Amino acid sequence: SSVYDYNRGPLGLGPDVAPNLQKLAQEEALKKIRLAACTDGILEKANDRAKLAVSSLIRISGIKEVIVEPQPVTPQQCAAS
């Protein structure tokens, strides 16, 4: 991502804090996305769909029994740190 517009004042002498502001905005957005994914069960749904997709792909090659164990969702992933 990038900053679309940033005004450092009429003379352009203001501090160049745009990179820091962008980083803070990205971090805050990631926290909100992660929290929403956890509270809405999106991570579990993604695991279920991944299991189905990988199992189906492997079965196409002729393997009859497939066991897929996705990485479990942990409390640390859902922490709003």
Protein backbone atom coordinates (compact mmCIF):
# COMPACT_ATOMS: atom_id res chain seq x y z
CA SER A 1 0.00 0.00 0.00
CA SER A 2 1.00 3.60 -0.26
CA VAL A 3 0.04 7.05 0.93
CA TYR A 4 -2.14 8.74 -1.68
CA ASP A 5 -1.67 12.32 -0.51
CA TYR A 6 0.25 13.90 2.33
CA ASN A 7 0.55 17.63 2.98
CA ARG A 8 3.63 18.87 4.86
CA GLY A 9 2.35 22.44 5.03
CA PRO A 10 2.48 25.42 2.69
CA LEU A 11 6.29 25.50 2.56
CA GLY A 12 6.81 21.76 2.70
CA LEU A 13 8.74 22.13 5.94
CA GLY A 14 6.59 19.98 8.20
CA PRO A 15 7.93 16.74 9.60
CA ASP A 16 7.89 13.79 7.24
CA VAL A 17 5.75 11.48 9.35
CA ALA A 18 3.85 9.89 6.46
CA PRO A 19 5.77 6.58 6.58
CA ASN A 20 5.10 6.26 10.31
CA LEU A 21 1.42 7.16 9.90
CA GLN A 22 1.06 4.59 7.14
CA LYS A 23 2.69 1.90 9.28
CA LEU A 24 0.42 2.67 12.23
CA ALA A 25 -2.66 2.63 10.00
CA GLN A 26 -1.65 -0.74 8.51
CA GLU A 27 -1.04 -2.24 11.96
CA GLU A 28 -4.40 -1.03 13.25
CA ALA A 29 -6.20 -2.34 10.17
CA LEU A 30 -4.52 -5.73 10.56
CA LYS A 31 -5.65 -5.91 14.20
CA LYS A 32 -9.24 -5.18 13.19
CA ILE A 33 -9.16 -7.72 10.37
CA ARG A 34 -7.69 -10.40 12.64
CA LEU A 35 -10.28 -9.73 15.37
CA ALA A 36 -13.14 -9.87 12.86
CA ALA A 37 -11.79 -13.10 11.38
CA CYS A 38 -11.67 -14.67 14.83
CA THR A 39 -15.05 -13.48 16.09
CA ASP A 40 -16.83 -14.46 12.87
CA GLY A 41 -15.18 -17.89 12.66
CA ILE A 42 -13.51 -17.07 9.36
CA LEU A 43 -10.25 -18.78 10.31
CA GLU A 44 -12.04 -22.04 11.11
CA LYS A 45 -13.99 -21.82 7.85
CA ALA A 46 -10.74 -21.23 5.97
CA ASN A 47 -9.24 -24.33 7.61
CA ASP A 48 -12.27 -26.41 6.62
CA ARG A 49 -12.13 -25.20 3.02
CA ALA A 50 -8.38 -25.78 2.85
CA LYS A 51 -8.85 -29.36 4.07
CA LEU A 52 -11.48 -29.96 1.41
CA ALA A 53 -9.42 -28.38 -1.38
CA VAL A 54 -6.20 -30.21 -0.53
CA SER A 55 -7.99 -33.53 -0.02
CA SER A 56 -9.79 -33.20 -3.35
CA LEU A 57 -6.60 -32.29 -5.17
CA ILE A 58 -4.72 -35.28 -3.77
CA ARG A 59 -7.62 -37.68 -4.43
CA ILE A 60 -7.58 -36.69 -8.10
CA SER A 61 -4.13 -38.30 -8.33
CA GLY A 62 -5.66 -41.63 -7.31
CA ILE A 63 -4.81 -41.71 -3.62
CA LYS A 64 -7.85 -43.07 -1.80
CA GLU A 65 -7.25 -42.08 1.83
CA VAL A 66 -6.19 -38.54 2.60
CA ILE A 67 -5.84 -36.97 6.03
CA VAL A 68 -5.29 -33.23 6.12
CA GLU A 69 -4.58 -31.56 9.45
CA PRO A 70 -4.54 -27.77 9.14
CA GLN A 71 -2.83 -25.55 11.63
CA PRO A 72 -5.30 -24.94 14.48
CA VAL A 73 -6.48 -21.44 15.31
CA THR A 74 -4.73 -20.36 18.50
CA PRO A 75 -5.75 -17.74 21.07
CA GLN A 76 -2.59 -15.81 20.19
CA GLN A 77 -3.82 -15.39 16.62
CA CYS A 78 -7.08 -13.94 17.90
CA ALA A 79 -5.56 -11.68 20.54
CA ALA A 80 -6.17 -8.00 19.88
CA SER A 81 -2.61 -7.02 20.75
